[in-house]
């Protein structure tokens, strides 16, 4: 039972088997001692309790993983009431995984029937207990020593904690031990990866074919997106004269902050952010200044559903605004909460607690706070329970007047899930006559289950997708996402009738890909090989919308981008003064080299990266060059080590920003 729970948890290879065996033997010896130190009745009660606990542990991890493509973390135990809201999904997963559910119940069933009579719960001689305790120590130390011989395994065992990596390397029981340990005594600080190489010593191992369309490092192409017909597009053979726009920085005296800071952690953060190169302003800076903004996080959305036939409005927005050709939605751990946190803050975290935690910190670059400072009307709306994930705490802290079911939005028709179009209908009058406004929506119609029985919105739109050549589950998924299309149609119609459509910008992205679909359905929807699909980076490609009807021509973003880049990009487009060094993403219209941090499903590779030159998989240790890129293998290793350290530092300081309320140290009196 100590091994991985099914093939979807990823492969456990090589040394990991040895770690699991050693730690399992240690745990087994210790639990044997604990179950034989009292009288028979108490011993049997302890044994029964231990078996129940271990059985539940495995069952919970199985169903949680099948539901969220992530592992349960003890730090999120406070969100248990939220998770129980999705009992339908849990029941569906139990039924679909009935064989494994029953398999994990066998030890409990066997003990309940025969264990009371035959299990050796008698008092064990003292010498046997001593031997077992000695064996516990020996097995454990052997496991620790073996881990220490593997630099990467040691890194994830002692220096930082990742539930997904720990599961794959050490198994369920050891991961549970580590998780509870860090919950009680605090997690180790996210450490830099071993073998860090300074950027100045790294030789660029790439040569790029200038004719390739997939290796764009610079700014976007196309028009400037304003109401004029001017275009900065130049002939490819002409070298344009560089224009100095200046940098997106604020007047922050990092030297003084460093000199006067007594806390080592905060001082190190000051030094890190001071060292970051700011992104430059550009021809797109301020083109949306003064306009309204509607920002939407789309539940479980994939760009693969979008067609001109079924999604005409969304199709138009994706192809007539800023057109993202290489956009990715990473999994950070914690499902919707972490994806939403990233799109709202330009930071990332690895626990669903991030929204609750953000309620206690200062987030000056959250769009609600930014537009409040500009005297906008600011609202956030959600067509599900208003306390879910602690949004009733986080979203007001980010500057929003937050209204959802149970907090003013109780006139929505009850379905599971509720209608996104109805969400727009019941909320638009809050703000349409109060320009300028910034409104944030979190949709729910695209939530699992993706069946015509388990999703009311899928059932509602079934006739519209019946002709598609997909499985019923994929059809149901597309059908429920049609609510987004009808929501957008309604918003566009009302804004146009009010003569403010040209003055309203739409920004939309997904919280995560539809991981509730079965592997075969995902392969069908995405056109990918089902084998190893959860480790395929293309599964995490997605769409992003930045659109305003006043744009004369589309602007193509060829460089890799992700949800981390939304906040800095939007701030630049609206001409907001901000410091680009303090965010983990970058403005996609700047000339800064892009870095996409990509986590695949738990049990597969995490902290991968993608840039203009190609992509690196941390699990396979393989670098795949982009089209038109030639690699010098002699210098590639150092470059990969350097890029891994870049990602590790972003992880370290993004986590610290949330955990230490860092912005309050930089702006003790507020920013805007």
Foldseek 3Di string as FASTA:
>chain_A
DQAAQDCLLAAADDCLVLLQVLLVLLVVLVLVLVLAADALVVSLVSVLVVLVVVLVLSLQQQLVCLAFLFGDFPVCVVQVVLVVVVVVSSVVSCVVPVVSNVVSCVVNVCCVVPVSPPPPSYHDDPVSSVVSNVSSVVSNVVSLVSLVVDLVSNCCLPAFDDLLVCCSRHGRPVSNVLRVVCVVVNTHFLDFRPPADDPVPFDDFKDFDPPDLQQDLAFWADALQFLDPDHPDDDPVDDDDDDAQAFQADPFDLVVLLVPDPDPVLNVLSVQLVPDDTFGFDSLFARLAQFAEEEEAEEQDFQLLDDCVLQVVVVCQCAFAAPEPAEFAFQQADHLQQLVCLLQQLFGHRHLLLQVLQLPFQRCLRVLNQVVVVVAAAAEEEADDCCNSHVVRRVVNSNHPYAYPVRPPVPFDDDVVGFLLVRLVVCVVVHLPGPPHYYYYYYGLLRDDQACVTHVQLVVQVVVQVPPPADRSLSSNSSSCSSVSSNSVVVCVVCVVVVRQQRYKYKYDYSFHNSSDDLVRLCVSQVHDSVPPLQDRSSRGRTIGTDGPSGPGYIYQSWYYYSSQNSQQVCRSNNHRDRRSLGLAHRSRTSHWGKDFHQTRRSAFGRKIATSQFTATPVVRDTDGDPRMDGDVVSVVSVVSNVSSVSSVSNSSSNCCSVVSSVCSRVVPHDD
